C-alpha atoms as a PDB file:
ATOM      1  CA  MET A   1     130.605  91.190 220.706  1.00  0.00           C
ATOM      2  CA  ASN A   2     128.371  93.837 222.326  1.00  0.00           C
ATOM      3  CA  ASN A   3     128.394  97.075 221.096  1.00  0.00           C
ATOM      4  CA  SER A   4     125.654  98.254 223.362  1.00  0.00           C
ATOM      5  CA  PHE A   5     125.870 101.821 224.717  1.00  0.00           C
ATOM      6  CA  ARG A   6     125.994 101.799 228.612  1.00  0.00           C
ATOM      7  CA  LYS A   7     125.005 104.844 230.100  1.00  0.00           C
ATOM      8  CA  SER A   8     126.356 105.776 233.131  1.00  0.00           C
ATOM      9  CA  ARG A   9     125.214 107.122 236.333  1.00  0.00           C
ATOM     10  CA  GLU A  10     125.781 110.453 235.213  1.00  0.00           C
ATOM     11  CA  ASP A  11     123.710 110.100 231.999  1.00  0.00           C
ATOM     12  CA  ILE A  12     120.682 108.147 233.548  1.00  0.00           C
ATOM     13  CA  ILE A  13     120.385 110.854 236.210  1.00  0.00           C
ATOM     14  CA  VAL A  14     120.396 113.795 233.253  1.00  0.00           C
ATOM     15  CA  ASP A  15     117.975 111.597 231.231  1.00  0.00           C
ATOM     16  CA  THR A  16     115.583 111.183 233.979  1.00  0.00           C
ATOM     17  CA  LEU A  17     115.831 115.083 234.670  1.00  0.00           C
ATOM     18  CA  VAL A  18     115.036 115.629 231.005  1.00  0.00           C
ATOM     19  CA  TRP A  19     112.310 113.213 231.042  1.00  0.00           C
ATOM     20  CA  GLY A  20     110.489 114.457 234.237  1.00  0.00           C
ATOM     21  CA  LEU A  21     110.739 118.449 233.206  1.00  0.00           C
ATOM     22  CA  SER A  22     109.321 117.409 229.771  1.00  0.00           C
ATOM     23  CA  LEU A  23     106.074 115.589 231.048  1.00  0.00           C
ATOM     24  CA  ILE A  24     105.991 118.613 233.506  1.00  0.00           C
ATOM     25  CA  VAL A  25     105.669 120.633 230.238  1.00  0.00           C
ATOM     26  CA  LEU A  26     104.009 118.494 228.523  1.00  0.00           C
ATOM     27  CA  ALA A  27     100.850 118.473 231.439  1.00  0.00           C
ATOM     28  CA  ALA A  28     101.165 122.434 231.857  1.00  0.00           C
ATOM     29  CA  THR A  29     100.864 122.714 228.355  1.00  0.00           C
ATOM     30  CA  PHE A  30      98.543 120.074 227.733  1.00  0.00           C
ATOM     31  CA  TYR A  31      95.997 119.750 230.050  1.00  0.00           C
ATOM     32  CA  PRO A  32      93.963 123.652 230.264  1.00  0.00           C
ATOM     33  CA  LEU A  33      92.936 122.908 226.984  1.00  0.00           C
ATOM     34  CA  TYR A  34      91.932 119.493 228.030  1.00  0.00           C
ATOM     35  CA  PHE A  35      90.037 120.851 230.785  1.00  0.00           C
ATOM     36  CA  VAL A  36      88.291 123.515 228.527  1.00  0.00           C
ATOM     37  CA  LEU A  37      87.651 120.293 226.269  1.00  0.00           C
ATOM     38  CA  ILE A  38      85.772 118.318 229.100  1.00  0.00           C
ATOM     39  CA  GLN A  39      83.759 121.410 230.565  1.00  0.00           C
ATOM     40  CA  SER A  40      82.506 121.949 227.165  1.00  0.00           C
ATOM     41  CA  LEU A  41      81.166 118.308 226.482  1.00  0.00           C
ATOM     42  CA  ASN A  42      79.722 118.064 229.933  1.00  0.00           C
ATOM     43  CA  ASP A  43      76.089 119.267 231.020  1.00  0.00           C
ATOM     44  CA  GLY A  44      76.480 122.886 232.341  1.00  0.00           C
ATOM     45  CA  ALA A  45      74.272 122.756 235.156  1.00  0.00           C
ATOM     46  CA  ASP A  46      76.066 119.634 236.728  1.00  0.00           C
ATOM     47  CA  ALA A  47      79.445 120.834 236.054  1.00  0.00           C
ATOM     48  CA  ALA A  48      78.410 123.741 238.025  1.00  0.00           C
ATOM     49  CA  LYS A  49      77.544 121.388 241.533  1.00  0.00           C
ATOM     50  CA  ALA A  50      81.588 120.130 241.344  1.00  0.00           C
ATOM     51  CA  PRO A  51      84.477 120.738 239.934  1.00  0.00           C
ATOM     52  CA  ILE A  52      85.066 118.226 236.889  1.00  0.00           C
ATOM     53  CA  TYR A  53      89.161 117.442 236.162  1.00  0.00           C
ATOM     54  CA  TRP A  54      89.628 114.209 234.304  1.00  0.00           C
ATOM     55  CA  PHE A  55      86.480 112.764 232.619  1.00  0.00           C
ATOM     56  CA  PRO A  56      83.173 114.606 231.388  1.00  0.00           C
ATOM     57  CA  ARG A  57      80.873 113.608 234.562  1.00  0.00           C
ATOM     58  CA  ASP A  58      77.374 114.064 232.137  1.00  0.00           C
ATOM     59  CA  PHE A  59      78.097 113.837 228.869  1.00  0.00           C
ATOM     60  CA  SER A  60      75.762 116.492 226.590  1.00  0.00           C
ATOM     61  CA  LEU A  61      76.706 118.173 223.410  1.00  0.00           C
ATOM     62  CA  GLU A  62      73.711 120.658 224.485  1.00  0.00           C
ATOM     63  CA  ASN A  63      76.610 123.523 224.734  1.00  0.00           C
ATOM     64  CA  TYR A  64      77.510 123.069 221.362  1.00  0.00           C
ATOM     65  CA  GLN A  65      73.768 123.045 219.898  1.00  0.00           C
ATOM     66  CA  LEU A  66      73.395 126.352 221.119  1.00  0.00           C
ATOM     67  CA  VAL A  67      76.955 127.796 220.201  1.00  0.00           C
ATOM     68  CA  PHE A  68      76.068 126.202 216.339  1.00  0.00           C
ATOM     69  CA  LYS A  69      72.464 127.818 216.824  1.00  0.00           C
ATOM     70  CA  GLN A  70      73.921 131.579 216.528  1.00  0.00           C
ATOM     71  CA  ASP A  71      73.845 132.989 212.900  1.00  0.00           C
ATOM     72  CA  LEU A  72      76.250 135.660 213.780  1.00  0.00           C
ATOM     73  CA  LEU A  73      79.031 132.753 214.947  1.00  0.00           C
ATOM     74  CA  LEU A  74      78.394 131.096 211.513  1.00  0.00           C
ATOM     75  CA  THR A  75      78.686 133.937 209.714  1.00  0.00           C
ATOM     76  CA  GLY A  76      81.945 134.875 211.421  1.00  0.00           C
ATOM     77  CA  LEU A  77      83.278 131.049 211.324  1.00  0.00           C
ATOM     78  CA  LYS A  78      82.673 131.299 207.560  1.00  0.00           C
ATOM     79  CA  ASN A  79      84.305 134.828 207.269  1.00  0.00           C
ATOM     80  CA  THR A  80      87.491 133.544 208.970  1.00  0.00           C
ATOM     81  CA  LEU A  81      87.796 130.351 206.840  1.00  0.00           C
ATOM     82  CA  LEU A  82      87.450 132.403 203.989  1.00  0.00           C
ATOM     83  CA  ARG A  83      90.198 135.036 204.919  1.00  0.00           C
ATOM     84  CA  THR A  84      92.748 132.746 206.117  1.00  0.00           C
ATOM     85  CA  ILE A  85      92.403 130.779 202.960  1.00  0.00           C
ATOM     86  CA  VAL A  86      92.700 133.463 200.631  1.00  0.00           C
ATOM     87  CA  GLY A  87      94.973 135.787 202.776  1.00  0.00           C
ATOM     88  CA  THR A  88      97.111 132.859 203.267  1.00  0.00           C
ATOM     89  CA  THR A  89      97.371 131.952 199.960  1.00  0.00           C
ATOM     90  CA  ALA A  90      98.141 135.407 198.362  1.00  0.00           C
ATOM     91  CA  THR A  91     101.112 136.078 201.506  1.00  0.00           C
ATOM     92  CA  VAL A  92     102.309 132.810 200.765  1.00  0.00           C
ATOM     93  CA  PHE A  93     102.728 133.782 196.852  1.00  0.00           C
ATOM     94  CA  VAL A  94     103.665 137.559 197.042  1.00  0.00           C
ATOM     95  CA  THR A  95     106.222 137.219 199.566  1.00  0.00           C
ATOM     96  CA  SER A  96     107.481 134.048 198.122  1.00  0.00           C
ATOM     97  CA  MET A  97     108.010 135.587 194.637  1.00  0.00           C
ATOM     98  CA  ALA A  98     109.807 138.918 196.197  1.00  0.00           C
ATOM     99  CA  ALA A  99     112.160 136.957 198.401  1.00  0.00           C
ATOM    100  CA  TYR A 100     112.886 135.047 195.288  1.00  0.00           C
ATOM    101  CA  ALA A 101     113.686 138.260 193.466  1.00  0.00           C
ATOM    102  CA  LEU A 102     115.641 139.558 196.262  1.00  0.00           C
ATOM    103  CA  GLN A 103     118.245 136.521 196.537  1.00  0.00           C
ATOM    104  CA  ARG A 104     119.255 137.157 193.187  1.00  0.00           C
ATOM    105  CA  PRO A 105     122.742 138.039 192.942  1.00  0.00           C
ATOM    106  CA  ASN A 106     122.140 139.926 189.633  1.00  0.00           C
ATOM    107  CA  LEU A 107     119.192 142.320 191.342  1.00  0.00           C
ATOM    108  CA  LYS A 108     120.292 145.870 191.123  1.00  0.00           C
ATOM    109  CA  LEU A 109     119.986 147.737 194.184  1.00  0.00           C
ATOM    110  CA  ARG A 110     119.254 144.297 195.993  1.00  0.00           C
ATOM    111  CA  LYS A 111     120.947 145.481 199.593  1.00  0.00           C
ATOM    112  CA  VAL A 112     118.901 148.901 200.002  1.00  0.00           C
ATOM    113  CA  TYR A 113     115.693 146.853 199.035  1.00  0.00           C
ATOM    114  CA  VAL A 114     116.741 144.490 201.787  1.00  0.00           C
ATOM    115  CA  SER A 115     117.719 147.315 204.292  1.00  0.00           C
ATOM    116  CA  MET A 116     114.339 149.153 203.870  1.00  0.00           C
ATOM    117  CA  GLY A 117     112.736 145.681 204.483  1.00  0.00           C
ATOM    118  CA  ALA A 118     115.122 145.115 207.618  1.00  0.00           C
ATOM    119  CA  ILE A 119     113.503 148.821 208.693  1.00  0.00           C
ATOM    120  CA  SER A 120     109.744 147.958 208.488  1.00  0.00           C
ATOM    121  CA  MET A 121     110.542 145.186 210.624  1.00  0.00           C
ATOM    122  CA  TYR A 122     111.404 147.598 213.532  1.00  0.00           C
ATOM    123  CA  PHE A 123     109.266 150.266 212.468  1.00  0.00           C
ATOM    124  CA  SER A 124     105.775 151.159 211.357  1.00  0.00           C
ATOM    125  CA  GLY A 125     103.692 153.806 210.559  1.00  0.00           C
ATOM    126  CA  GLY A 126     101.194 153.509 213.232  1.00  0.00           C
ATOM    127  CA  LEU A 127      96.880 153.266 213.491  1.00  0.00           C
ATOM    128  CA  ILE A 128      96.598 156.820 212.043  1.00  0.00           C
ATOM    129  CA  PRO A 129      98.943 156.344 208.848  1.00  0.00           C
ATOM    130  CA  LEU A 130      97.257 152.987 208.581  1.00  0.00           C
ATOM    131  CA  TYR A 131      94.047 154.005 208.955  1.00  0.00           C
ATOM    132  CA  LEU A 132      94.444 156.872 205.937  1.00  0.00           C
ATOM    133  CA  VAL A 133      96.212 154.684 203.462  1.00  0.00           C
ATOM    134  CA  LEU A 134      93.454 152.238 203.435  1.00  0.00           C
ATOM    135  CA  ASN A 135      90.843 154.747 203.218  1.00  0.00           C
ATOM    136  CA  LYS A 136      92.644 156.359 200.157  1.00  0.00           C
ATOM    137  CA  LEU A 137      92.486 153.164 198.669  1.00  0.00           C
ATOM    138  CA  HIS A 138      88.985 152.151 199.301  1.00  0.00           C
ATOM    139  CA  LEU A 139      89.684 149.089 201.457  1.00  0.00           C
ATOM    140  CA  LEU A 140      87.763 150.028 204.875  1.00  0.00           C
ATOM    141  CA  ASP A 141      84.680 148.070 205.532  1.00  0.00           C
ATOM    142  CA  THR A 142      85.636 145.656 202.752  1.00  0.00           C
ATOM    143  CA  PHE A 143      86.461 141.829 202.651  1.00  0.00           C
ATOM    144  CA  TRP A 144      89.722 142.626 201.096  1.00  0.00           C
ATOM    145  CA  VAL A 145      91.266 145.214 204.260  1.00  0.00           C
ATOM    146  CA  TYR A 146      92.151 141.231 205.836  1.00  0.00           C
ATOM    147  CA  ILE A 147      93.997 140.729 202.442  1.00  0.00           C
ATOM    148  CA  VAL A 148      96.135 143.659 201.013  1.00  0.00           C
ATOM    149  CA  PRO A 149      98.077 144.850 204.179  1.00  0.00           C
ATOM    150  CA  TYR A 150      99.373 141.638 204.890  1.00  0.00           C
ATOM    151  CA  LEU A 151     100.151 140.606 201.523  1.00  0.00           C
ATOM    152  CA  PHE A 152     104.000 141.013 202.256  1.00  0.00           C
ATOM    153  CA  GLY A 153     106.031 140.564 205.443  1.00  0.00           C
ATOM    154  CA  PHE A 154     109.175 140.927 205.277  1.00  0.00           C
ATOM    155  CA  PHE A 155     110.250 138.437 208.306  1.00  0.00           C
ATOM    156  CA  ASN A 156     108.663 135.931 206.263  1.00  0.00           C
ATOM    157  CA  CYS A 157     110.302 137.221 203.171  1.00  0.00           C
ATOM    158  CA  LEU A 158     113.687 136.411 205.041  1.00  0.00           C
ATOM    159  CA  LEU A 159     112.794 132.348 205.931  1.00  0.00           C
ATOM    160  CA  PHE A 160     111.980 132.377 202.041  1.00  0.00           C
ATOM    161  CA  MET A 161     115.316 134.201 201.252  1.00  0.00           C
ATOM    162  CA  SER A 162     117.424 131.957 203.636  1.00  0.00           C
ATOM    163  CA  PHE A 163     115.880 128.492 202.479  1.00  0.00           C
ATOM    164  CA  PHE A 164     116.141 129.403 198.663  1.00  0.00           C
ATOM    165  CA  ARG A 165     119.948 129.881 199.222  1.00  0.00           C
ATOM    166  CA  ASN A 166     120.617 126.347 199.768  1.00  0.00           C
ATOM    167  CA  ILE A 167     119.536 125.358 196.271  1.00  0.00           C
ATOM    168  CA  PRO A 168     122.383 124.864 193.903  1.00  0.00           C
ATOM    169  CA  GLU A 169     122.619 127.862 191.574  1.00  0.00           C
ATOM    170  CA  ALA A 170     123.344 125.919 188.680  1.00  0.00           C
ATOM    171  CA  LEU A 171     119.894 124.538 188.677  1.00  0.00           C
ATOM    172  CA  THR A 172     118.799 128.375 187.930  1.00  0.00           C
ATOM    173  CA  GLU A 173     121.739 129.005 185.841  1.00  0.00           C
ATOM    174  CA  SER A 174     120.964 126.080 183.400  1.00  0.00           C
ATOM    175  CA  ALA A 175     117.304 126.870 183.075  1.00  0.00           C
ATOM    176  CA  LEU A 176     118.083 130.241 181.971  1.00  0.00           C
ATOM    177  CA  ILE A 177     120.555 129.074 179.337  1.00  0.00           C
ATOM    178  CA  ASP A 178     117.240 126.633 178.294  1.00  0.00           C
ATOM    179  CA  GLY A 179     115.637 129.751 177.511  1.00  0.00           C
ATOM    180  CA  ALA A 180     113.484 129.603 180.994  1.00  0.00           C
ATOM    181  CA  SER A 181     111.934 132.971 181.910  1.00  0.00           C
ATOM    182  CA  GLU A 182     112.407 134.101 186.110  1.00  0.00           C
ATOM    183  CA  PHE A 183     108.816 133.011 186.656  1.00  0.00           C
ATOM    184  CA  LYS A 184     108.802 129.960 185.239  1.00  0.00           C
ATOM    185  CA  ILE A 185     112.288 129.124 187.239  1.00  0.00           C
ATOM    186  CA  TYR A 186     110.110 130.015 190.320  1.00  0.00           C
ATOM    187  CA  TRP A 187     107.429 127.920 189.410  1.00  0.00           C
ATOM    188  CA  LYS A 188     108.858 125.006 188.109  1.00  0.00           C
ATOM    189  CA  ILE A 189     112.119 124.776 190.444  1.00  0.00           C
ATOM    190  CA  ILE A 190     111.895 126.596 193.375  1.00  0.00           C
ATOM    191  CA  ILE A 191     108.366 125.748 194.620  1.00  0.00           C
ATOM    192  CA  PRO A 192     108.793 122.171 194.194  1.00  0.00           C
ATOM    193  CA  LEU A 193     112.279 122.462 195.781  1.00  0.00           C
ATOM    194  CA  SER A 194     110.822 124.385 199.047  1.00  0.00           C
ATOM    195  CA  MET A 195     107.492 122.819 199.910  1.00  0.00           C
ATOM    196  CA  PRO A 196     109.362 122.720 203.722  1.00  0.00           C
ATOM    197  CA  VAL A 197     109.644 126.589 204.009  1.00  0.00           C
ATOM    198  CA  PHE A 198     106.277 126.928 202.244  1.00  0.00           C
ATOM    199  CA  ALA A 199     104.498 124.867 204.807  1.00  0.00           C
ATOM    200  CA  THR A 200     106.128 126.520 207.359  1.00  0.00           C
ATOM    201  CA  VAL A 201     105.319 129.978 206.450  1.00  0.00           C
ATOM    202  CA  SER A 202     101.694 128.637 205.554  1.00  0.00           C
ATOM    203  CA  LEU A 203     101.343 127.758 209.090  1.00  0.00           C
ATOM    204  CA  PHE A 204     102.744 131.301 210.365  1.00  0.00           C
ATOM    205  CA  VAL A 205     100.165 133.268 208.162  1.00  0.00           C
ATOM    206  CA  ALA A 206      97.149 130.910 208.502  1.00  0.00           C
ATOM    207  CA  VAL A 207      97.573 131.527 212.299  1.00  0.00           C
ATOM    208  CA  PHE A 208      97.999 134.836 212.223  1.00  0.00           C
ATOM    209  CA  HIS A 209      94.544 135.546 209.965  1.00  0.00           C
ATOM    210  CA  TRP A 210      92.875 132.824 212.057  1.00  0.00           C
ATOM    211  CA  ASN A 211      93.603 134.833 215.367  1.00  0.00           C
ATOM    212  CA  ASP A 212      93.547 138.235 213.825  1.00  0.00           C
ATOM    213  CA  TYR A 213      90.767 140.645 215.636  1.00  0.00           C
ATOM    214  CA  PHE A 214      92.753 143.992 215.025  1.00  0.00           C
ATOM    215  CA  ILE A 215      91.433 144.707 211.340  1.00  0.00           C
ATOM    216  CA  SER A 216      87.991 143.861 212.107  1.00  0.00           C
ATOM    217  CA  SER A 217      87.621 145.472 215.409  1.00  0.00           C
ATOM    218  CA  PHE A 218      88.849 148.988 213.895  1.00  0.00           C
ATOM    219  CA  PHE A 219      88.126 148.394 210.408  1.00  0.00           C
ATOM    220  CA  ILE A 220      85.093 146.757 209.967  1.00  0.00           C
ATOM    221  CA  THR A 221      81.808 148.063 210.730  1.00  0.00           C
ATOM    222  CA  THR A 222      79.585 145.778 208.852  1.00  0.00           C
ATOM    223  CA  GLU A 223      78.258 143.122 211.104  1.00  0.00           C
ATOM    224  CA  SER A 224      78.693 140.417 207.921  1.00  0.00           C
ATOM    225  CA  LEU A 225      81.810 140.968 207.363  1.00  0.00           C
ATOM    226  CA  GLN A 226      83.155 140.642 210.782  1.00  0.00           C
ATOM    227  CA  THR A 227      85.493 137.767 211.528  1.00  0.00           C
ATOM    228  CA  LEU A 228      85.182 134.907 214.295  1.00  0.00           C
ATOM    229  CA  PRO A 229      87.853 136.566 216.668  1.00  0.00           C
ATOM    230  CA  VAL A 230      85.527 139.570 217.233  1.00  0.00           C
ATOM    231  CA  ILE A 231      82.513 137.810 217.342  1.00  0.00           C
ATOM    232  CA  LEU A 232      83.524 135.688 219.551  1.00  0.00           C
ATOM    233  CA  ILE A 233      84.638 138.729 222.105  1.00  0.00           C
ATOM    234  CA  ARG A 234      80.887 139.489 221.678  1.00  0.00           C
ATOM    235  CA  LEU A 235      79.518 136.132 222.544  1.00  0.00           C
ATOM    236  CA  LEU A 236      81.942 135.785 225.469  1.00  0.00           C
ATOM    237  CA  SER A 237      80.813 139.248 227.581  1.00  0.00           C
ATOM    238  CA  LEU A 238      78.141 138.925 230.217  1.00  0.00           C
ATOM    239  CA  SER A 239      75.404 140.296 228.868  1.00  0.00           C
ATOM    240  CA  GLU A 240      75.129 139.085 225.242  1.00  0.00           C
ATOM    241  CA  ALA A 241      75.927 135.652 226.023  1.00  0.00           C
ATOM    242  CA  GLN A 242      73.243 135.518 228.803  1.00  0.00           C
ATOM    243  CA  GLN A 243      70.928 136.848 226.748  1.00  0.00           C
ATOM    244  CA  GLU A 244      71.564 134.012 224.160  1.00  0.00           C
ATOM    245  CA  ILE A 245      71.040 131.617 226.943  1.00  0.00           C
ATOM    246  CA  GLN A 246      67.799 132.853 228.316  1.00  0.00           C
ATOM    247  CA  ARG A 247      66.627 132.691 224.605  1.00  0.00           C
ATOM    248  CA  TYR A 248      67.704 129.107 224.152  1.00  0.00           C
ATOM    249  CA  ILE A 249      66.066 127.765 227.383  1.00  0.00           C
ATOM    250  CA  GLY A 250      63.163 129.419 226.800  1.00  0.00           C
ATOM    251  CA  ASN A 251      62.808 127.360 223.915  1.00  0.00           C
ATOM    252  CA  ASN A 252      64.055 124.274 225.127  1.00  0.00           C
ATOM    253  CA  THR A 253      62.311 123.368 227.946  1.00  0.00           C
ATOM    254  CA  GLY A 254      64.982 121.303 230.527  1.00  0.00           C
ATOM    255  CA  SER A 255      67.792 122.566 228.834  1.00  0.00           C
ATOM    256  CA  SER A 256      71.055 123.041 231.540  1.00  0.00           C
ATOM    257  CA  VAL A 257      72.961 125.665 229.524  1.00  0.00           C
ATOM    258  CA  THR A 258      74.858 127.568 231.586  1.00  0.00           C
ATOM    259  CA  LEU A 259      77.204 130.799 230.715  1.00  0.00           C
ATOM    260  CA  GLU A 260      80.443 128.825 231.802  1.00  0.00           C
ATOM    261  CA  SER A 261      79.483 125.419 229.615  1.00  0.00           C
ATOM    262  CA  MET A 262      78.761 127.971 226.582  1.00  0.00           C
ATOM    263  CA  ARG A 263      82.325 130.144 226.857  1.00  0.00           C
ATOM    264  CA  TYR A 264      83.924 126.648 226.922  1.00  0.00           C
ATOM    265  CA  ALA A 265      82.321 125.178 224.066  1.00  0.00           C
ATOM    266  CA  THR A 266      82.839 128.881 222.142  1.00  0.00           C
ATOM    267  CA  LEU A 267      86.869 128.331 223.058  1.00  0.00           C
ATOM    268  CA  ILE A 268      86.798 124.876 221.537  1.00  0.00           C
ATOM    269  CA  ILE A 269      85.744 125.917 218.753  1.00  0.00           C
ATOM    270  CA  SER A 270      88.050 128.674 217.556  1.00  0.00           C
ATOM    271  CA  ILE A 271      90.854 126.931 218.623  1.00  0.00           C
ATOM    272  CA  ALA A 272      89.732 123.574 216.580  1.00  0.00           C
ATOM    273  CA  PRO A 273      90.789 124.047 213.689  1.00  0.00           C
ATOM    274  CA  ILE A 274      94.243 125.506 214.051  1.00  0.00           C
ATOM    275  CA  THR A 275      94.621 122.590 216.692  1.00  0.00           C
ATOM    276  CA  ILE A 276      93.797 119.611 214.048  1.00  0.00           C
ATOM    277  CA  LEU A 277      95.919 121.212 210.940  1.00  0.00           C
ATOM    278  CA  TYR A 278      99.392 121.688 213.208  1.00  0.00           C
ATOM    279  CA  PRO A 279      99.925 117.836 212.986  1.00  0.00           C
ATOM    280  CA  PHE A 280      99.794 117.565 209.189  1.00  0.00           C
ATOM    281  CA  LEU A 281     102.241 120.450 208.532  1.00  0.00           C
ATOM    282  CA  GLN A 282     104.859 119.687 211.981  1.00  0.00           C
ATOM    283  CA  ARG A 283     107.296 117.678 210.050  1.00  0.00           C
ATOM    284  CA  PHE A 284     107.446 120.365 207.138  1.00  0.00           C
ATOM    285  CA  PHE A 285     107.339 122.794 209.737  1.00  0.00           C
ATOM    286  CA  VAL A 286     110.537 121.472 211.990  1.00  0.00           C
ATOM    287  CA  LYS A 287     112.390 120.860 208.402  1.00  0.00           C
ATOM    288  CA  GLY A 288     111.270 124.472 207.552  1.00  0.00           C
ATOM    289  CA  MET A 289     113.040 126.057 210.559  1.00  0.00           C
ATOM    290  CA  LEU A 290     116.100 124.213 210.647  1.00  0.00           C
ATOM    291  CA  VAL A 291     117.167 124.489 206.776  1.00  0.00           C
ATOM    292  CA  GLY A 292     115.858 127.890 205.913  1.00  0.00           C
ATOM    293  CA  ALA A 293     117.240 129.503 209.355  1.00  0.00           C
ATOM    294  CA  ILE A 294     117.979 133.205 209.151  1.00  0.00           C
ATOM    295  CA  LYS A 295     121.758 133.764 208.214  1.00  0.00           C
ATOM    296  CA  ALA A 296     123.400 136.620 208.610  1.00  0.00           C
END
């Protein structure tokens, strides 16, 4: 007996439309990144002669050689990596502990704390109060100004709380009866059972720390502490980029690096780490968003 499902004419039409629309969205999303990549891998002078759309016409890594010779860029890359690793680890740890406490039914004034957190999602003190607080805490122009202001975010806390509610209460109750402390329950039971939401929030926080230029622009004056986004803006500016190119060409006779090819290589370097990391976290990301969906 043939149990195969036969699609109707309407199903075939709908599937065709869905696939066609999906391919269009994929092309519109992927091609700009691919275009930047092939431009960065092509000889700069050759790319300026005629457009390149599909493959590098004159393959060259000289654009990347110029970018990686910038000491300031390497310093910014190091600071950004350190900020992303330390900031993500600290934020996820602090926010998840707060979420575990806030979802405990025996917490006094629990609704008050949640209401205060919800208000903070819609209203902030503003730039001047933030500056005054950071100055009072002696965080200005230090590495910790990247970490401390973002240790807790209520939106991420809601994701954690929603996921933690799906863990059977009997597990924590039995652990308490056996004499386990709240922190031991959090460390030994909650974390191992909540890896999808941890991966999801970690990705959110890591992308934020990697791309953020606000703190570095307003609260950092020491050049050696600046992060990659701010330095990229400087390198992509017309005057500084032309100076670097002229200096590089002067030391490398026959070089054909152009302003545009340098910009493309710089952009690829800035987006590559997060782009490479995302596929490894995608399965956790999807599960974390579905299971940990925000509940009323």
